[in-house]
Protein backbone atom coordinates (compact mmCIF):
# COMPACT_ATOMS: atom_id res chain seq x y z
CA MET A 1 49.23 -78.40 183.04
CA LYS A 2 51.65 -80.67 181.42
CA LYS A 3 49.97 -83.59 179.71
CA SER A 4 51.52 -87.08 180.02
CA VAL A 5 50.03 -88.40 176.74
CA SER A 6 49.09 -86.88 173.55
CA LYS A 7 45.49 -86.62 172.44
CA LYS A 8 46.10 -88.86 169.51
CA THR A 9 47.56 -91.73 171.68
CA PHE A 10 44.64 -91.21 174.22
CA VAL A 11 41.91 -91.28 171.54
CA LEU A 12 43.10 -94.71 170.11
CA SER A 13 42.60 -96.26 173.47
CA VAL A 14 39.28 -94.77 174.45
CA LEU A 15 36.29 -96.77 175.47
CA MET A 16 38.19 -99.89 176.53
CA SER A 17 41.11 -98.36 178.42
CA ALA A 18 40.59 -94.56 178.79
CA GLY A 19 43.33 -93.56 181.33
CA ILE A 20 42.70 -93.66 185.13
CA LEU A 21 39.00 -94.15 186.16
CA LEU A 22 38.56 -92.14 189.35
CA THR A 23 35.51 -93.90 190.64
CA GLY A 24 36.88 -97.41 190.03
CA CYS A 25 33.83 -98.25 187.91
CA SER A 26 34.09 -99.28 184.26
CA GLY A 27 31.01 -97.13 183.31
CA THR A 28 27.36 -97.51 183.38
CA GLU A 29 25.16 -99.77 181.33
CA ALA A 30 23.47 -98.13 178.55
CA GLU A 31 19.95 -97.08 179.29
CA SER A 32 17.39 -97.93 176.63
CA SER A 33 15.83 -95.05 174.74
CA GLU A 34 13.45 -94.65 171.90
CA SER A 35 15.20 -95.38 168.67
CA THR A 36 15.30 -92.82 165.96
CA PRO A 37 15.81 -94.03 162.40
CA MET A 38 19.41 -93.29 161.20
CA GLY A 39 20.30 -91.24 158.29
CA SER A 40 23.39 -89.79 156.76
CA SER A 41 22.77 -86.38 158.04
CA THR A 42 21.53 -84.76 161.29
CA GLU A 43 17.78 -85.13 161.66
CA ALA A 44 15.52 -82.27 162.65
CA MET A 45 15.71 -81.53 166.42
CA GLN A 46 12.75 -80.63 168.66
CA GLY A 47 13.58 -77.23 170.07
CA SER A 48 16.80 -75.48 170.77
CA VAL A 49 19.53 -77.61 172.36
CA GLY A 50 21.22 -75.82 175.25
CA GLY A 51 18.30 -73.22 175.38
CA THR A 52 16.46 -71.97 178.45
CA GLU A 53 13.50 -74.35 178.38
CA ALA A 54 13.48 -77.52 180.47
CA GLY A 55 13.01 -80.95 178.91
CA THR A 56 14.71 -83.42 176.62
CA ASN A 57 15.63 -83.18 173.05
CA HIS A 58 17.08 -85.86 170.72
CA ILE A 59 19.92 -85.68 168.12
CA SER A 60 20.32 -88.42 165.54
CA GLU A 61 23.23 -88.50 163.15
CA LYS A 62 25.27 -91.39 161.52
CA LEU A 63 28.92 -90.13 161.18
CA SER A 64 30.14 -93.50 159.98
CA ASP A 65 29.37 -97.27 160.22
CA MET A 66 31.19 -97.21 163.50
CA LEU A 67 30.10 -94.01 165.02
CA VAL A 68 26.49 -93.11 165.52
CA ILE A 69 24.73 -90.30 167.43
CA ASP A 70 21.30 -91.28 168.86
CA ALA A 71 21.32 -89.01 171.94
CA ASP A 72 18.79 -87.67 174.38
CA VAL A 73 19.86 -84.24 175.39
CA VAL A 74 18.67 -83.05 178.83
CA LEU A 75 18.35 -79.37 178.69
CA PRO A 76 19.41 -77.11 181.63
CA LYS A 77 16.87 -74.51 182.82
CA GLU A 78 19.45 -71.74 182.34
CA GLN A 79 22.16 -70.70 180.04
CA VAL A 80 24.23 -68.97 182.68
CA TYR A 81 26.16 -70.85 185.40
CA SER A 82 29.00 -70.10 187.78
CA VAL A 83 32.30 -71.64 188.62
CA TYR A 84 32.59 -72.06 192.40
CA ALA A 85 35.69 -72.20 194.67
CA LEU A 86 35.01 -74.91 197.19
CA THR A 87 36.05 -75.01 200.85
CA LYS A 88 35.43 -78.53 202.27
CA GLN A 89 34.54 -78.71 205.83
CA ALA A 90 34.32 -81.21 208.69
CA PHE A 91 31.02 -81.79 210.62
CA PRO A 92 30.92 -79.37 213.55
CA ARG A 93 31.48 -81.15 216.91
CA GLU A 94 29.05 -78.89 218.61
CA ASP A 95 26.31 -80.40 216.37
CA LEU A 96 26.91 -83.99 217.21
CA ASP A 97 23.77 -84.05 219.41
CA VAL A 98 21.70 -84.20 216.28
CA PHE A 99 22.70 -87.71 216.00
CA PHE A 100 23.32 -88.89 219.51
CA GLY A 101 20.87 -86.75 221.36
CA ALA A 102 21.31 -87.20 225.16
CA SER A 103 23.37 -90.28 224.82
CA GLU A 104 26.90 -90.00 226.21
CA ALA A 105 29.36 -90.09 223.31
CA VAL A 106 33.08 -90.46 223.77
CA VAL A 107 34.87 -88.15 221.28
CA THR A 108 38.29 -88.97 219.94
CA VAL A 109 40.32 -86.49 218.02
CA HIS A 110 42.58 -87.85 215.19
CA PRO A 111 46.17 -87.59 216.45
CA GLU A 112 47.61 -86.36 213.10
CA TRP A 113 44.67 -85.36 210.82
CA GLU A 114 43.63 -81.85 211.81
CA GLY A 115 39.80 -81.48 211.74
CA ALA A 116 39.13 -85.28 211.93
CA TYR A 117 37.51 -86.96 214.83
CA SER A 118 35.15 -89.85 215.85
CA ALA A 119 32.59 -90.54 218.46
CA LYS A 120 31.19 -93.73 219.89
CA THR A 121 28.52 -94.66 222.43
CA GLU A 122 28.14 -97.75 224.59
CA GLU A 123 24.95 -98.57 222.64
CA GLY A 124 26.91 -99.06 219.44
CA GLY A 125 26.37 -95.66 218.02
CA TYR A 126 29.26 -94.41 215.83
CA PHE A 127 30.24 -91.17 214.11
CA SER A 128 33.40 -90.01 212.25
CA THR A 129 34.28 -87.03 210.09
CA ASP A 130 37.29 -85.65 208.21
CA PRO A 131 38.13 -82.18 206.92
CA TYR A 132 37.13 -82.92 203.47
CA GLY A 133 33.32 -82.86 203.65
CA ASN A 134 32.89 -86.57 204.58
CA PHE A 135 31.11 -88.03 207.52
CA THR A 136 29.54 -91.40 208.75
CA TYR A 137 26.92 -91.93 211.38
CA ALA A 138 25.32 -95.26 212.43
CA LYS A 139 22.81 -95.66 215.21
CA ASP A 140 24.04 -99.32 215.56
CA GLU A 141 27.28 -99.50 213.74
CA GLU A 142 27.54 -103.29 213.19
CA ARG A 143 23.92 -103.91 212.38
CA ASP A 144 23.47 -100.88 210.08
CA ASP A 145 26.64 -101.60 208.24
CA TYR A 146 25.30 -105.12 207.61
CA ILE A 147 22.08 -103.83 206.32
CA VAL A 148 23.76 -101.52 203.85
CA TYR A 149 25.97 -104.37 202.74
CA LEU A 150 23.01 -106.63 202.09
CA VAL A 151 21.21 -103.92 200.15
CA GLU A 152 24.19 -102.96 198.02
CA SER A 153 25.10 -106.61 197.40
CA ALA A 154 21.59 -107.34 195.97
CA TYR A 155 20.80 -104.08 194.16
CA TYR A 156 24.09 -102.47 193.21
CA ASN A 157 26.38 -103.31 190.24
CA ALA A 158 29.80 -101.99 191.19
CA GLY A 159 31.14 -102.77 187.68
CA SER A 160 28.62 -100.37 186.12
CA CYS A 161 28.09 -97.87 189.06
CA SER A 162 24.29 -98.56 188.76
CA PHE A 163 21.61 -99.34 191.20
CA GLN A 164 18.77 -101.71 190.13
CA LYS A 165 15.63 -99.76 189.37
CA GLU A 166 12.34 -100.94 190.97
CA GLU A 167 9.12 -99.55 192.35
CA ILE A 168 9.34 -98.61 196.04
CA PRO A 169 6.37 -99.92 198.19
CA ASP A 170 5.23 -97.73 201.11
CA LEU A 171 6.18 -98.81 204.63
CA SER A 172 3.76 -98.58 207.60
CA PHE A 173 5.36 -95.62 209.39
CA LEU A 174 5.69 -93.33 206.17
CA ASN A 175 4.93 -93.59 202.53
CA ALA A 176 7.81 -93.76 200.12
CA GLU A 177 7.27 -90.27 198.64
CA ASN A 178 7.35 -88.58 201.93
CA ALA A 179 10.38 -90.65 203.06
CA ILE A 180 12.30 -89.37 200.16
CA GLN A 181 11.22 -85.76 200.86
CA MET A 182 12.15 -86.18 204.56
CA GLY A 183 15.60 -87.52 203.41
CA LYS A 184 16.15 -84.35 201.28
CA GLU A 185 15.13 -82.15 204.16
CA ARG A 186 17.51 -83.89 206.54
CA ILE A 187 20.38 -83.59 204.10
CA LYS A 188 19.58 -79.82 203.77
CA GLU A 189 19.67 -79.42 207.49
CA LEU A 190 22.93 -81.35 207.92
CA THR A 191 24.95 -80.08 205.03
CA GLY A 192 23.18 -77.01 203.68
CA GLN A 193 23.01 -78.71 200.25
CA ASP A 194 19.96 -79.52 197.96
CA SER A 195 19.63 -83.04 196.69
CA GLU A 196 17.66 -85.52 194.52
CA VAL A 197 17.13 -89.27 195.07
CA LEU A 198 19.12 -91.67 192.90
CA ALA A 199 17.94 -94.91 194.23
CA ALA A 200 15.52 -96.08 197.12
CA TYR A 201 14.36 -99.36 198.51
CA ALA A 202 11.80 -100.27 201.10
CA LEU A 203 13.06 -102.92 203.60
CA ASN A 204 11.19 -105.11 206.15
CA ARG A 205 11.73 -108.32 208.10
CA GLU A 206 10.72 -110.47 205.07
CA ILE A 207 12.93 -108.66 202.58
CA LEU A 208 15.98 -108.53 204.92
CA THR A 209 15.60 -112.16 205.57
CA GLU A 210 15.55 -112.91 201.77
CA LEU A 211 18.57 -110.66 201.30
CA GLU A 212 20.48 -112.39 204.05
CA GLU A 213 19.64 -115.82 202.62
CA GLU A 214 21.01 -114.73 199.21
CA TYR A 215 24.22 -113.53 201.03
CA ARG A 216 24.53 -116.90 202.69
CA GLN A 217 24.74 -118.57 199.22
CA THR A 218 27.67 -116.28 198.11
CA GLN A 219 31.29 -117.38 197.98
CA LYS A 220 32.20 -114.45 200.17
CA TYR A 221 29.97 -115.78 202.87
CA GLN A 222 31.50 -119.28 202.69
CA GLU A 223 35.05 -117.68 202.77
CA ASP A 224 34.05 -115.48 205.72
CA ALA A 225 32.47 -118.52 207.47
CA GLN A 226 35.62 -120.50 207.19
CA ARG A 227 37.50 -117.78 209.02
CA GLY A 228 34.64 -117.28 211.61
CA LYS A 229 34.01 -113.77 210.40
CA GLU A 230 30.54 -114.20 208.76
CA THR A 231 27.90 -111.79 209.70
CA THR A 232 24.29 -112.82 210.31
CA VAL A 233 21.21 -111.34 212.24
CA ASP A 234 18.82 -113.85 213.71
CA ASP A 235 16.39 -111.32 215.18
CA TRP A 236 14.90 -109.47 212.25
CA SER A 237 11.43 -108.27 213.36
CA ASP A 238 8.51 -106.04 212.40
CA GLU A 239 10.44 -103.17 213.79
CA ASP A 240 12.93 -103.45 210.92
CA GLU A 241 11.01 -101.28 208.55
CA ILE A 242 13.70 -99.18 206.81
CA TYR A 243 14.06 -97.04 203.69
CA TYR A 244 17.48 -97.23 202.02
CA MET A 245 18.07 -94.12 199.91
CA GLU A 246 20.94 -92.87 197.75
CA PHE A 247 21.03 -89.12 197.02
CA GLU A 248 22.95 -86.94 194.63
CA LEU A 249 23.62 -83.28 195.63
CA THR A 250 22.62 -80.52 193.35
CA LYS A 251 23.71 -76.88 192.76
CA ASP A 252 21.83 -74.25 190.81
CA GLY A 253 19.38 -77.01 189.79
CA LEU A 254 22.16 -79.19 188.35
CA PRO A 255 23.29 -82.43 189.56
CA ILE A 256 26.71 -82.68 191.07
CA TYR A 257 28.68 -85.74 189.78
CA SER A 258 27.96 -88.70 192.06
CA GLY A 259 29.37 -91.63 190.12
CA ILE A 260 25.99 -93.45 190.15
CA HIS A 261 24.03 -94.19 186.97
CA GLU A 262 26.64 -92.48 184.82
CA PRO A 263 30.18 -93.25 183.45
CA GLY A 264 33.07 -92.64 185.77
CA ILE A 265 35.66 -89.94 185.15
CA SER A 266 38.68 -91.03 183.19
CA MET A 267 41.91 -89.11 183.02
CA ALA A 268 44.77 -88.93 180.54
CA VAL A 269 46.89 -86.80 183.03
CA GLU A 270 48.79 -87.86 185.99
CA THR A 271 46.41 -86.82 188.69
CA PHE A 272 43.86 -88.27 191.08
CA TRP A 273 41.23 -86.94 193.36
CA THR A 274 37.85 -88.15 194.82
CA ALA A 275 35.18 -86.47 192.67
CA GLU A 276 32.10 -88.39 193.91
CA THR A 277 29.65 -86.33 195.96
CA ARG A 278 26.63 -88.13 197.28
CA ILE A 279 24.84 -89.27 200.44
CA THR A 280 23.66 -92.82 201.57
CA MET A 281 20.90 -92.84 204.18
CA LEU A 282 18.89 -95.36 206.17
CA LEU A 283 15.62 -93.88 207.46
CA ASP A 284 13.24 -95.61 209.99
CA LYS A 285 10.36 -94.58 212.25
CA ASP A 286 12.68 -92.79 214.62
CA GLY A 287 14.49 -90.84 211.80
CA ILE A 288 17.98 -91.24 210.42
CA ARG A 289 19.66 -94.43 211.65
CA TYR A 290 22.65 -94.41 209.15
CA ILE A 291 24.05 -91.76 206.99
CA VAL A 292 27.33 -91.48 204.83
CA SER A 293 28.13 -88.20 203.25
CA ARG A 294 30.80 -88.25 200.54
CA GLY A 295 32.12 -84.61 200.22
CA GLY A 296 28.70 -83.26 201.24
CA ILE A 297 29.79 -80.46 203.56
CA PHE A 298 31.27 -77.54 201.70
CA ASP A 299 31.09 -73.73 201.20
CA ALA A 300 30.81 -72.72 197.52
CA SER A 301 31.77 -69.17 196.54
CA PRO A 302 31.42 -67.95 192.99
CA GLU A 303 34.84 -67.14 191.43
CA ALA A 304 33.38 -64.40 189.27
CA GLU A 305 30.11 -63.45 187.66
CA ALA A 306 28.06 -66.27 186.26
CA GLN A 307 28.95 -66.92 182.55
CA THR A 308 27.01 -68.02 179.47
CA ILE A 309 27.81 -71.67 178.90
CA ILE A 310 28.50 -73.26 175.53
CA SER A 311 25.59 -75.25 174.02
CA ALA A 312 25.23 -78.96 174.05
CA GLU A 313 25.72 -78.89 170.19
CA ALA A 314 29.21 -77.11 170.88
CA ALA A 315 30.11 -79.86 173.35
CA LEU A 316 29.03 -82.56 170.90
CA GLU A 317 31.18 -80.94 168.22
CA ALA A 318 34.17 -81.18 170.50
CA VAL A 319 33.63 -84.92 171.11
CA LYS A 320 33.00 -85.53 167.44
CA GLU A 321 36.29 -83.99 166.69
CA ILE A 322 38.00 -86.55 168.92
CA TYR A 323 36.21 -89.61 167.61
CA VAL A 324 35.41 -88.94 163.94
CA ASN A 325 39.11 -89.65 162.90
CA THR A 326 39.54 -92.48 165.32
CA ILE A 327 39.86 -96.09 164.19
CA LEU A 328 37.09 -97.97 165.93
CA ASN A 329 36.91 -101.68 166.04
CA SER A 330 33.07 -101.84 166.64
CA GLN A 331 30.21 -99.43 166.48
CA VAL A 332 29.83 -97.01 169.32
CA THR A 333 26.88 -94.77 170.08
CA ILE A 334 26.73 -91.32 171.70
CA SER A 335 23.46 -91.86 173.68
CA ARG A 336 23.01 -89.07 176.15
CA ILE A 337 24.12 -85.58 176.81
CA TRP A 338 23.47 -83.61 179.99
CA LEU A 339 24.89 -80.74 182.10
CA GLU A 340 26.30 -81.47 185.59
CA TYR A 341 28.61 -79.94 188.04
CA VAL A 342 31.83 -81.72 188.79
CA VAL A 343 34.07 -81.24 191.77
CA VAL A 344 37.63 -80.82 190.37
CA PRO A 345 41.06 -79.87 191.69
CA ASP A 346 42.25 -76.36 191.40
CA TRP A 347 45.05 -77.23 189.09
CA GLU A 348 47.16 -74.38 190.37
CA GLU A 349 46.55 -74.66 194.21
CA LYS A 350 47.27 -77.78 196.07
CA GLU A 351 44.30 -79.36 198.01
CA GLN A 352 41.97 -76.73 196.67
CA TYR A 353 38.88 -77.58 194.70
CA LYS A 354 36.27 -76.02 192.28
CA LEU A 355 32.81 -76.80 191.30
CA VAL A 356 32.70 -76.49 187.41
CA PRO A 357 29.84 -77.11 185.03
CA TYR A 358 30.53 -79.86 182.47
CA TRP A 359 28.52 -81.29 179.46
CA CYS A 360 28.66 -84.99 179.92
CA VAL A 361 28.57 -86.93 176.61
CA GLN A 362 27.97 -90.54 177.19
CA ILE A 363 29.36 -93.05 174.62
CA ASP A 364 28.05 -96.65 174.69
CA SER A 365 29.84 -99.73 173.31
CA PRO A 366 28.28 -102.95 172.04
CA SER A 367 29.28 -104.76 175.30
CA GLY A 368 26.85 -102.62 177.29
CA ASN A 369 29.64 -100.56 179.04
CA SER A 370 29.87 -96.73 178.65
CA SER A 371 32.44 -94.13 178.88
CA ALA A 372 32.09 -90.34 178.66
CA GLU A 373 33.76 -87.16 177.50
CA ARG A 374 33.11 -84.26 179.89
CA ILE A 375 33.45 -80.85 178.15
CA ASN A 376 33.86 -77.82 180.25
CA ALA A 377 30.74 -75.74 179.65
CA VAL A 378 32.48 -72.48 180.19
CA THR A 379 35.94 -73.03 178.37
CA GLY A 380 35.10 -75.96 176.03
CA GLY A 381 38.07 -77.85 177.44
CA ASN A 382 38.10 -81.62 178.10
CA LEU A 383 38.21 -82.83 181.76
CA ALA A 384 40.30 -85.78 180.63
CA TYR A 385 43.18 -83.38 180.23
CA GLY A 386 42.54 -81.36 183.34
CA GLU A 387 40.71 -78.63 181.41
């Protein structure tokens, strides 16, 4: 693929303005980790990075006054992974009763977008899907959208793509651990994909009332009220016990890039695609009352036999090569390295996608923002350049 900028030009602008950020997030706040004393050479590592054992290792190295490695390395369980060709799919119309049951839903086919349709019920139920693995369901569209808005306004920092972390209390109809497990089982049933929870919150009448009161103090509420478009619910009750859960999908035991709790994908080539793959769910005593799947329905076929991936050390060396000769205005720290799958375009075939394993090397700046270099675990190429 033809590159629109040189690597030298791109490197000089990393961290603060690293090309086009696909998710619209500036990065994720640096997570705290146990500090290791810095030295002028690499310190001894616990175990073999990139080996077959599970766990976390740590690499510490001071490359210069401005570039420090103090990184937790999350080891994959295997050394061999596949590259998959993806076929994204719409949610089957014949399976709509999984959401609406016996309710009479009026289905409308999109007039131009093949494979896209929506469905509504008189009770306020809503469903829509497109041909790219996305779908949305709400038992009560207006009310459920409002609950999700309240939760994300309170607990989600869009600037850093991070959810607030807090302990999840149990609700009366189901404890939190079982709710998360039920969410994973429902995702498997609906999409065929495995998943892990990224964030979860327990909601009840008291909490929803507090969240709504916080919303009423915001400038957005004041502006909406002036236009007569503010949203409020005056009848929160003991029936409003709900788990809000955010899930990432997984493949071969690895997370698939979700855009949550990690830096966004930045590009130095003229391309754009939606890389996020994750699922948002509201669960109550009756089951799923709201679910949004971003790219969650797909068929993944191995392109070839699974291949031995490069080690985390090799990926780190590729990143060091980029940064070690770069003029940095303030100290940056490579803080975390892990392996994940990323949905990327098939650079040769229009509207075709692949699932490729990448080493994600997170780089933190003093401001608390983060960026990342994603190194192809099969080829060693850099995702920023379509490799």
